[in-house]
Amino acid sequence: MKKIALYLCLIYCFSCKKSGEFTVDCLSSNLQNGVIAFYPFNNGSIIDESPNNNDLSNLTAAKDTFDRVGNPNCAYYFDNSTDKKEFLTTKNAGFLNSLSKLSISLWLYPDDTITSKLGYQILLSRVIPFRCPDRKGQFWSVGLYGCN
């Protein structure tokens, strides 16, 4: 399997559920309500900057890197070659359990071709180990098929 690497610059998770009110300069006003997690990765931080405290953890060797416009420590690099599985996780993904609708916004830069058997890159998953995709409805993931 060839190395698959992703630059994950910015993730916003939105839901129709009410959550704490806060303002993010880079979000248009119509996207300010219902933000349940906001990770701008400033200075490599994986702290949720929404008032909901859905902070991430890095239990792997994923490392911060330059973002799409060259800002240092404002994105994450994931080296997912055969011997590595790199990802960011949260201590409690329970905040996603009761959602009936979810919107995600992120920048993605795959720097190698997909070579998995299914050609599937998982961007966000509800379970570890990642499943792609779970057709029984127990878990879910958001990803891309053959994005290169």
Protein backbone atom coordinates (compact mmCIF):
# COMPACT_ATOMS: atom_id res chain seq x y z
CA MET A 1 0.00 0.00 0.00
CA LYS A 2 1.37 3.37 -0.93
CA LYS A 3 1.57 6.11 1.62
CA ILE A 4 -1.61 8.10 1.98
CA ALA A 5 -1.16 11.50 3.54
CA LEU A 6 -3.70 14.13 4.30
CA TYR A 7 -3.43 17.73 5.25
CA LEU A 8 -6.41 18.47 7.39
CA CYS A 9 -6.57 22.21 7.77
CA LEU A 10 -9.84 23.05 9.32
CA ILE A 11 -12.81 21.08 10.58
CA TYR A 12 -16.14 22.50 11.54
CA CYS A 13 -18.97 20.27 12.70
CA PHE A 14 -22.43 21.75 12.56
CA SER A 15 -25.72 20.36 13.73
CA CYS A 16 -29.28 21.56 13.98
CA LYS A 17 -29.07 21.07 17.75
CA LYS A 18 -28.85 24.21 19.86
CA SER A 19 -25.46 24.70 21.38
CA GLY A 20 -23.60 27.53 23.04
CA GLU A 21 -23.51 30.78 21.13
CA PHE A 22 -20.10 31.99 20.02
CA THR A 23 -18.60 33.86 17.10
CA VAL A 24 -15.91 32.68 14.71
CA ASP A 25 -14.52 35.37 12.42
CA CYS A 26 -13.94 33.05 9.48
CA LEU A 27 -17.53 31.71 9.48
CA SER A 28 -20.28 33.61 7.74
CA SER A 29 -23.09 34.77 10.01
CA ASN A 30 -25.52 32.11 8.72
CA LEU A 31 -23.12 29.38 9.93
CA GLN A 32 -22.58 30.75 13.44
CA ASN A 33 -25.49 28.88 15.08
CA GLY A 34 -25.35 25.19 15.91
CA VAL A 35 -21.57 24.74 15.78
CA ILE A 36 -20.77 21.72 17.96
CA ALA A 37 -17.01 21.57 17.34
CA PHE A 38 -14.47 23.96 15.83
CA TYR A 39 -10.81 23.00 15.29
CA PRO A 40 -8.75 25.70 13.53
CA PHE A 41 -5.47 23.95 14.55
CA ASN A 42 -3.81 27.29 15.43
CA ASN A 43 -0.23 26.60 16.54
CA GLY A 44 -0.93 22.87 16.28
CA SER A 45 -3.71 23.05 18.87
CA ILE A 46 -6.36 20.33 18.80
CA ILE A 47 -8.56 22.12 21.32
CA ASP A 48 -12.21 22.66 20.37
CA GLU A 49 -12.64 26.43 20.18
CA SER A 50 -16.42 26.22 20.39
CA PRO A 51 -17.86 26.50 23.90
CA ASN A 52 -18.60 22.75 23.87
CA ASN A 53 -15.12 21.45 24.87
CA ASN A 54 -15.05 18.58 22.36
CA ASP A 55 -11.25 18.59 22.35
CA LEU A 56 -9.25 16.17 20.23
CA SER A 57 -6.38 13.90 21.28
CA ASN A 58 -3.41 12.77 19.22
CA LEU A 59 -2.59 9.22 20.31
CA THR A 60 -0.63 8.54 17.13
CA ALA A 61 2.31 10.13 15.31
CA ALA A 62 0.12 12.57 13.33
CA LYS A 63 1.95 15.88 13.28
CA ASP A 64 1.11 19.49 12.74
CA THR A 65 2.32 21.04 9.50
CA PHE A 66 1.80 23.94 7.09
CA ASP A 67 -1.75 24.73 5.99
CA ARG A 68 -2.92 25.33 2.42
CA VAL A 69 -1.59 28.91 2.37
CA GLY A 70 1.74 28.17 4.07
CA ASN A 71 0.96 29.01 7.71
CA PRO A 72 3.08 26.77 9.95
CA ASN A 73 1.43 24.50 12.54
CA CYS A 74 -2.08 25.14 11.21
CA ALA A 75 -2.87 21.75 9.66
CA TYR A 76 -2.27 18.08 10.41
CA TYR A 77 -0.32 15.52 8.38
CA PHE A 78 -1.39 11.88 8.53
CA ASP A 79 1.02 9.23 7.23
CA ASN A 80 -1.15 6.18 6.71
CA SER A 81 1.27 3.81 5.08
CA THR A 82 0.76 0.11 5.84
CA ASP A 83 2.63 0.17 9.15
CA LYS A 84 1.04 3.37 10.44
CA LYS A 85 -2.50 4.45 11.17
CA GLU A 86 -2.53 8.11 12.13
CA PHE A 87 -5.57 10.03 13.26
CA LEU A 88 -6.91 12.52 15.77
CA THR A 89 -9.58 11.34 18.17
CA THR A 90 -11.83 12.68 20.90
CA LYS A 91 -12.18 11.26 24.39
CA ASN A 92 -15.95 11.15 24.07
CA ALA A 93 -17.68 11.20 20.70
CA GLY A 94 -21.03 11.02 22.48
CA PHE A 95 -21.83 14.55 21.35
CA LEU A 96 -22.42 13.04 17.89
CA ASN A 97 -24.84 10.34 19.07
CA SER A 98 -28.13 12.23 19.00
CA LEU A 99 -27.58 14.09 15.74
CA SER A 100 -30.08 13.57 12.97
CA LYS A 101 -28.25 16.01 10.69
CA LEU A 102 -24.59 16.94 10.44
CA SER A 103 -22.54 19.20 8.20
CA ILE A 104 -18.74 19.08 8.02
CA SER A 105 -16.37 21.55 6.43
CA LEU A 106 -12.67 20.85 5.96
CA TRP A 107 -9.74 21.33 3.61
CA LEU A 108 -8.13 18.11 2.42
CA TYR A 109 -4.94 17.60 0.46
CA PRO A 110 -4.18 13.96 -0.41
CA ASP A 111 -0.51 13.87 -1.42
CA ASP A 112 -0.53 10.30 -2.74
CA THR A 113 -2.95 8.03 -4.53
CA ILE A 114 -5.44 5.83 -2.76
CA THR A 115 -4.47 2.19 -2.85
CA SER A 116 -6.77 0.59 -0.30
CA LYS A 117 -8.87 -2.31 -1.53
CA LEU A 118 -12.00 -0.18 -1.53
CA GLY A 119 -10.31 3.07 -2.54
CA TYR A 120 -11.89 4.73 0.50
CA GLN A 121 -10.31 7.50 2.58
CA ILE A 122 -11.96 8.03 5.95
CA LEU A 123 -12.15 11.68 6.95
CA LEU A 124 -14.35 11.32 10.01
CA SER A 125 -15.42 8.09 11.70
CA ARG A 126 -17.64 7.25 14.65
CA VAL A 127 -15.61 4.24 15.74
CA ILE A 128 -12.03 2.98 16.12
CA PRO A 129 -10.93 0.79 14.40
CA PHE A 130 -12.29 2.64 11.42
CA ARG A 131 -14.91 0.88 9.35
CA CYS A 132 -15.62 1.86 5.82
CA PRO A 133 -18.58 2.13 5.47
CA ASP A 134 -20.71 0.19 7.93
CA ARG A 135 -23.86 -0.90 6.15
CA LYS A 136 -25.57 -2.18 9.32
CA GLY A 137 -26.00 1.30 10.77
CA GLN A 138 -24.04 0.67 13.97
CA PHE A 139 -21.20 3.00 13.07
CA TRP A 140 -20.69 5.66 10.48
CA SER A 141 -17.87 7.38 8.68
CA VAL A 142 -17.48 10.25 6.27
CA GLY A 143 -14.98 9.68 3.52
CA LEU A 144 -14.10 9.80 -0.13
CA TYR A 145 -14.04 7.02 -2.68
CA GLY A 146 -11.20 7.28 -5.20
CA CYS A 147 -10.61 10.98 -4.63
CA ASN A 148 -7.39 11.06 -6.66
